[in-house]
C-alpha atoms as a PDB file:
ATOM      1  CA  UNK A   1       0.011   0.006  -0.025  1.00  0.00           C
ATOM      2  CA  UNK A   2       1.126   3.535  -0.728  1.00  0.00           C
ATOM      3  CA  UNK A   3      -0.057   6.623   1.073  1.00  0.00           C
ATOM      4  CA  UNK A   4      -0.583  10.362   0.542  1.00  0.00           C
ATOM      5  CA  UNK A   5       1.258  12.488   3.018  1.00  0.00           C
ATOM      6  CA  UNK A   6      -0.054  15.802   4.364  1.00  0.00           C
ATOM      7  CA  UNK A   7       3.203  17.176   5.726  1.00  0.00           C
ATOM      8  CA  UNK A   8       2.451  20.884   5.208  1.00  0.00           C
ATOM      9  CA  UNK A   9       1.421  21.489   8.870  1.00  0.00           C
ATOM     10  CA  UNK A  10       5.043  20.527   9.695  1.00  0.00           C
ATOM     11  CA  UNK A  11       7.195  21.860   6.939  1.00  0.00           C
ATOM     12  CA  UNK A  12       5.278  25.161   6.582  1.00  0.00           C
ATOM     13  CA  UNK A  13       5.258  27.625   3.643  1.00  0.00           C
ATOM     14  CA  UNK A  14       5.877  25.905   0.279  1.00  0.00           C
ATOM     15  CA  UNK A  15       8.462  28.476  -0.726  1.00  0.00           C
ATOM     16  CA  UNK A  16      10.783  27.585   2.168  1.00  0.00           C
ATOM     17  CA  UNK A  17      13.957  25.508   1.666  1.00  0.00           C
ATOM     18  CA  UNK A  18      12.693  23.276   4.478  1.00  0.00           C
ATOM     19  CA  UNK A  19       9.514  22.393   2.508  1.00  0.00           C
ATOM     20  CA  UNK A  20      11.538  21.529  -0.591  1.00  0.00           C
ATOM     21  CA  UNK A  21      14.007  19.404   1.394  1.00  0.00           C
ATOM     22  CA  UNK A  22      11.262  17.472   3.246  1.00  0.00           C
ATOM     23  CA  UNK A  23       9.244  16.794   0.075  1.00  0.00           C
ATOM     24  CA  UNK A  24      12.358  15.677  -1.775  1.00  0.00           C
ATOM     25  CA  UNK A  25      13.130  13.309   1.086  1.00  0.00           C
ATOM     26  CA  UNK A  26       9.565  11.906   0.950  1.00  0.00           C
ATOM     27  CA  UNK A  27       9.963  11.456  -2.788  1.00  0.00           C
ATOM     28  CA  UNK A  28      12.747   8.914  -2.175  1.00  0.00           C
ATOM     29  CA  UNK A  29      10.318   6.531  -0.424  1.00  0.00           C
ATOM     30  CA  UNK A  30       8.242   4.003  -2.315  1.00  0.00           C
ATOM     31  CA  UNK A  31       5.666   4.343   0.464  1.00  0.00           C
ATOM     32  CA  UNK A  32       4.516   7.764  -0.781  1.00  0.00           C
ATOM     33  CA  UNK A  33       2.021   8.201  -3.620  1.00  0.00           C
ATOM     34  CA  UNK A  34       1.745  11.964  -3.493  1.00  0.00           C
ATOM     35  CA  UNK A  35       1.032  14.845  -1.148  1.00  0.00           C
ATOM     36  CA  UNK A  36      -1.993  16.379   0.476  1.00  0.00           C
ATOM     37  CA  UNK A  37      -1.746  20.108  -0.364  1.00  0.00           C
ATOM     38  CA  UNK A  38      -3.618  23.227   0.522  1.00  0.00           C
ATOM     39  CA  UNK A  39      -4.103  26.307  -1.600  1.00  0.00           C
ATOM     40  CA  UNK A  40      -2.112  29.481  -1.011  1.00  0.00           C
ATOM     41  CA  UNK A  41      -3.269  32.805  -2.533  1.00  0.00           C
ATOM     42  CA  UNK A  42      -5.324  30.893  -5.061  1.00  0.00           C
ATOM     43  CA  UNK A  43      -2.563  28.568  -6.156  1.00  0.00           C
ATOM     44  CA  UNK A  44      -1.559  25.084  -5.181  1.00  0.00           C
ATOM     45  CA  UNK A  45       0.944  25.229  -2.300  1.00  0.00           C
ATOM     46  CA  UNK A  46       3.418  22.752  -3.973  1.00  0.00           C
ATOM     47  CA  UNK A  47       6.988  23.111  -2.851  1.00  0.00           C
ATOM     48  CA  UNK A  48       9.598  23.741  -5.514  1.00  0.00           C
ATOM     49  CA  UNK A  49      11.155  20.297  -5.334  1.00  0.00           C
ATOM     50  CA  UNK A  50      12.049  17.388  -7.609  1.00  0.00           C
ATOM     51  CA  UNK A  51       9.000  15.135  -7.590  1.00  0.00           C
ATOM     52  CA  UNK A  52       8.325  11.693  -8.969  1.00  0.00           C
ATOM     53  CA  UNK A  53       6.388  11.883 -12.227  1.00  0.00           C
ATOM     54  CA  UNK A  54       3.999   9.176 -10.928  1.00  0.00           C
ATOM     55  CA  UNK A  55       2.895  11.207  -7.914  1.00  0.00           C
ATOM     56  CA  UNK A  56      -0.732  12.365  -7.832  1.00  0.00           C
ATOM     57  CA  UNK A  57      -1.718  14.872  -5.219  1.00  0.00           C
ATOM     58  CA  UNK A  58      -4.817  15.532  -3.124  1.00  0.00           C
ATOM     59  CA  UNK A  59      -5.895  19.161  -2.693  1.00  0.00           C
ATOM     60  CA  UNK A  60      -7.538  20.098   0.621  1.00  0.00           C
ATOM     61  CA  UNK A  61      -9.738  23.217   0.969  1.00  0.00           C
ATOM     62  CA  UNK A  62      -9.663  23.000   4.794  1.00  0.00           C
ATOM     63  CA  UNK A  63      -7.324  25.985   5.365  1.00  0.00           C
ATOM     64  CA  UNK A  64      -9.409  28.073   2.895  1.00  0.00           C
ATOM     65  CA  UNK A  65     -12.626  26.905   4.521  1.00  0.00           C
ATOM     66  CA  UNK A  66     -11.380  27.771   8.027  1.00  0.00           C
ATOM     67  CA  UNK A  67     -10.199  31.235   6.880  1.00  0.00           C
ATOM     68  CA  UNK A  68     -13.477  31.974   5.042  1.00  0.00           C
ATOM     69  CA  UNK A  69     -15.763  30.911   7.794  1.00  0.00           C
ATOM     70  CA  UNK A  70     -13.706  32.925  10.299  1.00  0.00           C
ATOM     71  CA  UNK A  71     -14.280  36.100   8.308  1.00  0.00           C
ATOM     72  CA  UNK A  72     -17.886  35.243   7.334  1.00  0.00           C
ATOM     73  CA  UNK A  73     -19.813  32.706   9.518  1.00  0.00           C
ATOM     74  CA  UNK A  74     -22.382  32.270   6.769  1.00  0.00           C
ATOM     75  CA  UNK A  75     -19.772  31.158   4.218  1.00  0.00           C
ATOM     76  CA  UNK A  76     -19.964  27.632   2.881  1.00  0.00           C
ATOM     77  CA  UNK A  77     -21.437  25.315   0.223  1.00  0.00           C
ATOM     78  CA  UNK A  78     -24.075  24.234   2.809  1.00  0.00           C
ATOM     79  CA  UNK A  79     -25.033  27.843   3.711  1.00  0.00           C
ATOM     80  CA  UNK A  80     -28.703  28.784   3.624  1.00  0.00           C
ATOM     81  CA  UNK A  81     -27.678  32.372   2.931  1.00  0.00           C
ATOM     82  CA  UNK A  82     -27.289  32.814  -0.864  1.00  0.00           C
ATOM     83  CA  UNK A  83     -24.295  35.138  -0.534  1.00  0.00           C
ATOM     84  CA  UNK A  84     -22.403  32.625   1.599  1.00  0.00           C
ATOM     85  CA  UNK A  85     -23.148  29.751  -0.784  1.00  0.00           C
ATOM     86  CA  UNK A  86     -22.255  31.799  -3.873  1.00  0.00           C
ATOM     87  CA  UNK A  87     -18.899  32.781  -2.307  1.00  0.00           C
ATOM     88  CA  UNK A  88     -18.131  29.131  -1.563  1.00  0.00           C
ATOM     89  CA  UNK A  89     -19.143  27.971  -5.087  1.00  0.00           C
ATOM     90  CA  UNK A  90     -16.961  30.745  -6.515  1.00  0.00           C
ATOM     91  CA  UNK A  91     -13.969  29.424  -4.574  1.00  0.00           C
ATOM     92  CA  UNK A  92     -14.593  25.935  -5.911  1.00  0.00           C
ATOM     93  CA  UNK A  93     -14.792  27.384  -9.375  1.00  0.00           C
ATOM     94  CA  UNK A  94     -11.389  28.969  -8.962  1.00  0.00           C
ATOM     95  CA  UNK A  95     -10.025  25.727  -7.595  1.00  0.00           C
ATOM     96  CA  UNK A  96     -11.375  23.867 -10.617  1.00  0.00           C
ATOM     97  CA  UNK A  97      -9.578  26.325 -12.863  1.00  0.00           C
ATOM     98  CA  UNK A  98      -6.328  25.581 -11.031  1.00  0.00           C
ATOM     99  CA  UNK A  99      -6.474  21.839 -10.875  1.00  0.00           C
ATOM    100  CA  UNK A 100      -8.134  21.024 -14.224  1.00  0.00           C
ATOM    101  CA  UNK A 101      -5.132  22.394 -16.091  1.00  0.00           C
ATOM    102  CA  UNK A 102      -2.796  19.988 -14.256  1.00  0.00           C
ATOM    103  CA  UNK A 103      -2.182  16.352 -14.771  1.00  0.00           C
ATOM    104  CA  UNK A 104      -0.972  15.519 -11.265  1.00  0.00           C
ATOM    105  CA  UNK A 105      -4.155  16.078  -9.182  1.00  0.00           C
ATOM    106  CA  UNK A 106      -6.134  13.083  -7.996  1.00  0.00           C
ATOM    107  CA  UNK A 107      -8.870  14.652  -5.939  1.00  0.00           C
ATOM    108  CA  UNK A 108     -10.045  17.791  -4.137  1.00  0.00           C
ATOM    109  CA  UNK A 109     -11.322  17.610  -0.569  1.00  0.00           C
ATOM    110  CA  UNK A 110     -14.080  20.012   0.391  1.00  0.00           C
ATOM    111  CA  UNK A 111     -16.084  20.498   3.547  1.00  0.00           C
ATOM    112  CA  UNK A 112     -19.832  21.060   4.342  1.00  0.00           C
ATOM    113  CA  UNK A 113     -19.393  24.429   6.031  1.00  0.00           C
ATOM    114  CA  UNK A 114     -20.708  26.600   7.679  1.00  0.00           C
ATOM    115  CA  UNK A 115     -20.797  25.812  11.408  1.00  0.00           C
ATOM    116  CA  UNK A 116     -24.136  24.941  13.017  1.00  0.00           C
ATOM    117  CA  UNK A 117     -26.337  26.635  10.390  1.00  0.00           C
ATOM    118  CA  UNK A 118     -25.479  24.364   7.450  1.00  0.00           C
ATOM    119  CA  UNK A 119     -28.351  22.839   5.458  1.00  0.00           C
ATOM    120  CA  UNK A 120     -28.207  19.484   3.721  1.00  0.00           C
ATOM    121  CA  UNK A 121     -30.586  20.826   1.018  1.00  0.00           C
ATOM    122  CA  UNK A 122     -28.343  23.798   0.338  1.00  0.00           C
ATOM    123  CA  UNK A 123     -25.266  21.563   0.256  1.00  0.00           C
ATOM    124  CA  UNK A 124     -27.029  19.255  -2.211  1.00  0.00           C
ATOM    125  CA  UNK A 125     -27.712  22.199  -4.534  1.00  0.00           C
ATOM    126  CA  UNK A 126     -24.164  23.506  -4.331  1.00  0.00           C
ATOM    127  CA  UNK A 127     -22.483  20.115  -4.750  1.00  0.00           C
ATOM    128  CA  UNK A 128     -24.747  19.239  -7.752  1.00  0.00           C
ATOM    129  CA  UNK A 129     -23.595  22.431  -9.500  1.00  0.00           C
ATOM    130  CA  UNK A 130     -19.913  21.805  -8.586  1.00  0.00           C
ATOM    131  CA  UNK A 131     -20.099  18.158  -9.721  1.00  0.00           C
ATOM    132  CA  UNK A 132     -21.573  19.160 -13.065  1.00  0.00           C
ATOM    133  CA  UNK A 133     -18.421  20.912 -14.074  1.00  0.00           C
ATOM    134  CA  UNK A 134     -15.562  19.375 -16.071  1.00  0.00           C
ATOM    135  CA  UNK A 135     -12.832  18.721 -13.554  1.00  0.00           C
ATOM    136  CA  UNK A 136     -10.621  16.896 -16.062  1.00  0.00           C
ATOM    137  CA  UNK A 137     -10.866  13.609 -14.165  1.00  0.00           C
ATOM    138  CA  UNK A 138     -10.227  15.063 -10.702  1.00  0.00           C
ATOM    139  CA  UNK A 139     -12.560  13.605  -8.108  1.00  0.00           C
ATOM    140  CA  UNK A 140     -14.442  15.502  -5.342  1.00  0.00           C
ATOM    141  CA  UNK A 141     -14.206  14.117  -1.820  1.00  0.00           C
ATOM    142  CA  UNK A 142     -16.480  15.541   0.917  1.00  0.00           C
ATOM    143  CA  UNK A 143     -14.220  15.393   3.896  1.00  0.00           C
ATOM    144  CA  UNK A 144     -16.301  14.839   7.040  1.00  0.00           C
ATOM    145  CA  UNK A 145     -15.519  17.101  10.005  1.00  0.00           C
ATOM    146  CA  UNK A 146     -17.007  16.938  13.419  1.00  0.00           C
ATOM    147  CA  UNK A 147     -20.735  17.652  13.246  1.00  0.00           C
ATOM    148  CA  UNK A 148     -22.482  20.345  15.254  1.00  0.00           C
ATOM    149  CA  UNK A 149     -23.505  19.305  18.760  1.00  0.00           C
ATOM    150  CA  UNK A 150     -24.392  20.970  22.030  1.00  0.00           C
ATOM    151  CA  UNK A 151     -22.957  18.065  24.042  1.00  0.00           C
ATOM    152  CA  UNK A 152     -19.507  19.680  24.099  1.00  0.00           C
ATOM    153  CA  UNK A 153     -17.405  22.320  22.274  1.00  0.00           C
ATOM    154  CA  UNK A 154     -17.012  21.627  18.569  1.00  0.00           C
ATOM    155  CA  UNK A 155     -13.944  22.041  16.381  1.00  0.00           C
ATOM    156  CA  UNK A 156     -15.767  22.549  13.146  1.00  0.00           C
ATOM    157  CA  UNK A 157     -19.516  21.868  13.679  1.00  0.00           C
ATOM    158  CA  UNK A 158     -20.478  21.112  10.021  1.00  0.00           C
ATOM    159  CA  UNK A 159     -23.089  18.676   8.735  1.00  0.00           C
ATOM    160  CA  UNK A 160     -23.424  15.132  10.072  1.00  0.00           C
ATOM    161  CA  UNK A 161     -21.816  12.336   8.133  1.00  0.00           C
ATOM    162  CA  UNK A 162     -25.236  10.776   7.455  1.00  0.00           C
ATOM    163  CA  UNK A 163     -26.436  13.941   5.829  1.00  0.00           C
ATOM    164  CA  UNK A 164     -23.300  14.252   3.719  1.00  0.00           C
ATOM    165  CA  UNK A 165     -23.576  10.675   2.566  1.00  0.00           C
ATOM    166  CA  UNK A 166     -27.166  11.177   1.582  1.00  0.00           C
ATOM    167  CA  UNK A 167     -26.124  14.130  -0.531  1.00  0.00           C
ATOM    168  CA  UNK A 168     -23.246  12.191  -2.062  1.00  0.00           C
ATOM    169  CA  UNK A 169     -25.438   9.189  -2.849  1.00  0.00           C
ATOM    170  CA  UNK A 170     -27.819  11.326  -4.847  1.00  0.00           C
ATOM    171  CA  UNK A 171     -24.943  12.532  -7.006  1.00  0.00           C
ATOM    172  CA  UNK A 172     -23.604   9.174  -8.179  1.00  0.00           C
ATOM    173  CA  UNK A 173     -23.422   9.260 -11.942  1.00  0.00           C
ATOM    174  CA  UNK A 174     -22.702  12.976 -12.034  1.00  0.00           C
ATOM    175  CA  UNK A 175     -20.207  14.417 -14.514  1.00  0.00           C
ATOM    176  CA  UNK A 176     -17.587  14.317 -11.743  1.00  0.00           C
ATOM    177  CA  UNK A 177     -17.103  11.481  -9.198  1.00  0.00           C
ATOM    178  CA  UNK A 178     -18.185  12.523  -5.740  1.00  0.00           C
ATOM    179  CA  UNK A 179     -17.319  10.467  -2.641  1.00  0.00           C
ATOM    180  CA  UNK A 180     -16.993  10.788   1.114  1.00  0.00           C
ATOM    181  CA  UNK A 181     -13.800  11.127   3.112  1.00  0.00           C
ATOM    182  CA  UNK A 182     -13.004  10.344   6.748  1.00  0.00           C
ATOM    183  CA  UNK A 183     -10.282  11.936   8.758  1.00  0.00           C
ATOM    184  CA  UNK A 184      -9.874   9.699  11.860  1.00  0.00           C
ATOM    185  CA  UNK A 185      -9.217  12.488  14.330  1.00  0.00           C
ATOM    186  CA  UNK A 186     -12.078  14.687  13.125  1.00  0.00           C
ATOM    187  CA  UNK A 187     -14.555  11.780  13.547  1.00  0.00           C
ATOM    188  CA  UNK A 188     -13.282  11.061  17.042  1.00  0.00           C
ATOM    189  CA  UNK A 189     -13.455  14.742  17.952  1.00  0.00           C
ATOM    190  CA  UNK A 190     -17.145  14.586  17.091  1.00  0.00           C
ATOM    191  CA  UNK A 191     -18.050  11.966  19.674  1.00  0.00           C
ATOM    192  CA  UNK A 192     -14.909  11.807  21.851  1.00  0.00           C
ATOM    193  CA  UNK A 193     -14.986   8.047  21.318  1.00  0.00           C
ATOM    194  CA  UNK A 194     -12.149   6.340  19.425  1.00  0.00           C
ATOM    195  CA  UNK A 195     -14.626   3.830  17.897  1.00  0.00           C
ATOM    196  CA  UNK A 196     -16.132   6.594  15.749  1.00  0.00           C
ATOM    197  CA  UNK A 197     -13.156   6.667  13.356  1.00  0.00           C
ATOM    198  CA  UNK A 198     -13.754   3.130  12.050  1.00  0.00           C
ATOM    199  CA  UNK A 199     -17.510   3.575  12.383  1.00  0.00           C
ATOM    200  CA  UNK A 200     -17.501   6.480   9.934  1.00  0.00           C
ATOM    201  CA  UNK A 201     -15.240   4.599   7.535  1.00  0.00           C
ATOM    202  CA  UNK A 202     -17.587   1.635   7.671  1.00  0.00           C
ATOM    203  CA  UNK A 203     -20.661   3.814   7.138  1.00  0.00           C
ATOM    204  CA  UNK A 204     -19.203   5.291   3.983  1.00  0.00           C
ATOM    205  CA  UNK A 205     -17.811   1.960   2.675  1.00  0.00           C
ATOM    206  CA  UNK A 206     -21.158   0.164   3.259  1.00  0.00           C
ATOM    207  CA  UNK A 207     -22.824   2.552   0.823  1.00  0.00           C
ATOM    208  CA  UNK A 208     -20.044   2.317  -1.748  1.00  0.00           C
ATOM    209  CA  UNK A 209     -19.196   6.006  -1.144  1.00  0.00           C
ATOM    210  CA  UNK A 210     -15.792   5.900   0.523  1.00  0.00           C
ATOM    211  CA  UNK A 211     -13.302   8.009  -1.298  1.00  0.00           C
ATOM    212  CA  UNK A 212     -10.544   8.734   1.255  1.00  0.00           C
ATOM    213  CA  UNK A 213      -9.322   7.766   4.702  1.00  0.00           C
ATOM    214  CA  UNK A 214      -6.820  10.196   6.275  1.00  0.00           C
ATOM    215  CA  UNK A 215      -5.071   9.520   9.588  1.00  0.00           C
ATOM    216  CA  UNK A 216      -4.460  12.233  12.116  1.00  0.00           C
ATOM    217  CA  UNK A 217      -4.497  11.672  15.821  1.00  0.00           C
ATOM    218  CA  UNK A 218      -6.100  13.703  18.608  1.00  0.00           C
ATOM    219  CA  UNK A 219      -5.478  13.829  22.390  1.00  0.00           C
ATOM    220  CA  UNK A 220      -7.821  13.741  25.323  1.00  0.00           C
ATOM    221  CA  UNK A 221      -5.620  16.175  27.229  1.00  0.00           C
ATOM    222  CA  UNK A 222      -3.667  19.342  26.537  1.00  0.00           C
ATOM    223  CA  UNK A 223      -0.552  18.999  24.372  1.00  0.00           C
ATOM    224  CA  UNK A 224       2.073  21.382  23.119  1.00  0.00           C
ATOM    225  CA  UNK A 225      -0.150  21.964  20.101  1.00  0.00           C
ATOM    226  CA  UNK A 226      -3.351  22.840  21.866  1.00  0.00           C
ATOM    227  CA  UNK A 227      -6.034  21.835  24.306  1.00  0.00           C
ATOM    228  CA  UNK A 228      -7.710  18.518  24.613  1.00  0.00           C
ATOM    229  CA  UNK A 229      -9.781  17.438  21.546  1.00  0.00           C
ATOM    230  CA  UNK A 230      -8.180  20.140  19.377  1.00  0.00           C
ATOM    231  CA  UNK A 231      -8.004  19.431  15.651  1.00  0.00           C
ATOM    232  CA  UNK A 232      -4.224  19.879  15.395  1.00  0.00           C
ATOM    233  CA  UNK A 233      -3.103  16.756  13.491  1.00  0.00           C
ATOM    234  CA  UNK A 234      -1.146  14.948  16.191  1.00  0.00           C
ATOM    235  CA  UNK A 235       1.136  12.021  15.431  1.00  0.00           C
ATOM    236  CA  UNK A 236      -0.157   8.540  16.325  1.00  0.00           C
ATOM    237  CA  UNK A 237       0.898   7.077  19.610  1.00  0.00           C
ATOM    238  CA  UNK A 238       3.972   4.837  19.656  1.00  0.00           C
ATOM    239  CA  UNK A 239       5.753   6.909  17.058  1.00  0.00           C
ATOM    240  CA  UNK A 240       8.748   9.078  17.697  1.00  0.00           C
ATOM    241  CA  UNK A 241       7.822  12.278  19.491  1.00  0.00           C
ATOM    242  CA  UNK A 242       4.162  11.479  19.767  1.00  0.00           C
ATOM    243  CA  UNK A 243       2.313  13.617  22.355  1.00  0.00           C
ATOM    244  CA  UNK A 244       1.157  12.087  25.619  1.00  0.00           C
ATOM    245  CA  UNK A 245      -2.508  11.361  25.338  1.00  0.00           C
ATOM    246  CA  UNK A 246      -2.472  10.790  21.593  1.00  0.00           C
ATOM    247  CA  UNK A 247      -5.286   8.315  20.898  1.00  0.00           C
ATOM    248  CA  UNK A 248      -4.554   6.827  17.450  1.00  0.00           C
ATOM    249  CA  UNK A 249      -2.847   3.489  17.902  1.00  0.00           C
ATOM    250  CA  UNK A 250      -1.594   1.014  15.302  1.00  0.00           C
ATOM    251  CA  UNK A 251      -4.493  -1.211  16.245  1.00  0.00           C
ATOM    252  CA  UNK A 252      -7.016   1.563  15.568  1.00  0.00           C
ATOM    253  CA  UNK A 253      -5.385   2.312  12.230  1.00  0.00           C
ATOM    254  CA  UNK A 254      -5.784  -1.370  11.303  1.00  0.00           C
ATOM    255  CA  UNK A 255      -9.428  -1.317  12.471  1.00  0.00           C
ATOM    256  CA  UNK A 256     -10.166   1.646  10.220  1.00  0.00           C
ATOM    257  CA  UNK A 257      -8.491   0.129   7.256  1.00  0.00           C
ATOM    258  CA  UNK A 258     -10.357  -3.102   7.798  1.00  0.00           C
ATOM    259  CA  UNK A 259     -13.608  -1.144   7.927  1.00  0.00           C
ATOM    260  CA  UNK A 260     -12.800   0.275   4.498  1.00  0.00           C
ATOM    261  CA  UNK A 261     -12.717  -3.219   2.999  1.00  0.00           C
ATOM    262  CA  UNK A 262     -11.767  -3.708  -0.626  1.00  0.00           C
ATOM    263  CA  UNK A 263     -11.706  -0.170  -1.923  1.00  0.00           C
ATOM    264  CA  UNK A 264      -9.940   2.272  -4.197  1.00  0.00           C
ATOM    265  CA  UNK A 265     -10.113   4.942  -1.510  1.00  0.00           C
ATOM    266  CA  UNK A 266      -7.217   7.317  -1.078  1.00  0.00           C
ATOM    267  CA  UNK A 267      -5.255   6.424   2.104  1.00  0.00           C
ATOM    268  CA  UNK A 268      -3.156   9.042   3.750  1.00  0.00           C
ATOM    269  CA  UNK A 269      -1.955  10.876   6.830  1.00  0.00           C
ATOM    270  CA  UNK A 270      -1.796  14.483   7.938  1.00  0.00           C
ATOM    271  CA  UNK A 271       0.583  15.228  10.778  1.00  0.00           C
ATOM    272  CA  UNK A 272       1.925  18.293  12.593  1.00  0.00           C
ATOM    273  CA  UNK A 273       5.204  17.242  14.175  1.00  0.00           C
ATOM    274  CA  UNK A 274       4.942  20.071  16.670  1.00  0.00           C
ATOM    275  CA  UNK A 275       7.014  22.893  18.015  1.00  0.00           C
ATOM    276  CA  UNK A 276      10.802  22.622  18.110  1.00  0.00           C
ATOM    277  CA  UNK A 277      13.577  22.516  15.629  1.00  0.00           C
ATOM    278  CA  UNK A 278      13.661  19.404  13.440  1.00  0.00           C
ATOM    279  CA  UNK A 279      15.968  19.076  10.523  1.00  0.00           C
ATOM    280  CA  UNK A 280      14.563  18.089   7.180  1.00  0.00           C
ATOM    281  CA  UNK A 281      15.948  14.558   7.645  1.00  0.00           C
ATOM    282  CA  UNK A 282      14.216  14.287  11.047  1.00  0.00           C
ATOM    283  CA  UNK A 283      10.971  15.414   9.603  1.00  0.00           C
ATOM    284  CA  UNK A 284      11.189  12.950   6.697  1.00  0.00           C
ATOM    285  CA  UNK A 285      12.106  10.125   9.124  1.00  0.00           C
ATOM    286  CA  UNK A 286       9.096  10.832  11.390  1.00  0.00           C
ATOM    287  CA  UNK A 287       6.602  11.189   8.554  1.00  0.00           C
ATOM    288  CA  UNK A 288       7.803   8.007   6.932  1.00  0.00           C
ATOM    289  CA  UNK A 289       7.629   6.194  10.274  1.00  0.00           C
ATOM    290  CA  UNK A 290       3.936   7.112  10.443  1.00  0.00           C
ATOM    291  CA  UNK A 291       3.426   6.249   6.763  1.00  0.00           C
ATOM    292  CA  UNK A 292       4.849   2.794   7.483  1.00  0.00           C
ATOM    293  CA  UNK A 293       2.295   2.417  10.297  1.00  0.00           C
ATOM    294  CA  UNK A 294      -0.460   3.099   7.828  1.00  0.00           C
ATOM    295  CA  UNK A 295       0.985   1.192   4.890  1.00  0.00           C
ATOM    296  CA  UNK A 296       1.643  -1.918   6.959  1.00  0.00           C
END
């Protein structure tokens, strides 16, 4: 198995020499199939590095979604306010313009923002429009984030997975393939129960809608990266430098992968290696250590 590596929370701006060195180090490993990459100023945040020609990348809109909802709480493809929806759809149009002219993009991950006020009907309308465009073979993956609840503080508070899957199911056969994605930590943040990661994978797989499984960990206590249950992409436990309280174990990774069953879903990881000075070689070694956990 090969995996996609979201290392940008660790190596930082794509223009830095650190980013280039880390990505070139990852490129030497047969475990890595490509990167998970955000957008920066409307362009793909791809480090200037020598990359394997066979790599295919996954573009995540999460940083753009967080920034947009911070400045406008009504922003999002699931917004019931037309201006908020239109702004989100316009962002997706600009993303399509970027990725459709490339040959190295596998999928784009989008989220069902906004927080608390999102509507499944509005999301269905937006996603139907977005999926009708020509993405030049690039798939759309609705990355599930923790759903809104009043039981405890939320990290994202978007639509429930069940609502997202219903919308996705109705779009099978659209111009562009639409599927559902699970990030282990974000599912566990939703319920504060480690069983939810595999449960969400199983729910998507059972309906034939699973498009991606990304592994980040989360802690049930404060760490150097933030408070308990923060969505900060911790390393799995039993890996070098993992935070005390990190909940994602090798056994839970295996459980989630087993829940996926036979599938062509993208498998990957997104990790923030935390504060401190790590050399490029040290970052590469730690990311590949985690990649080996997943690939094994």
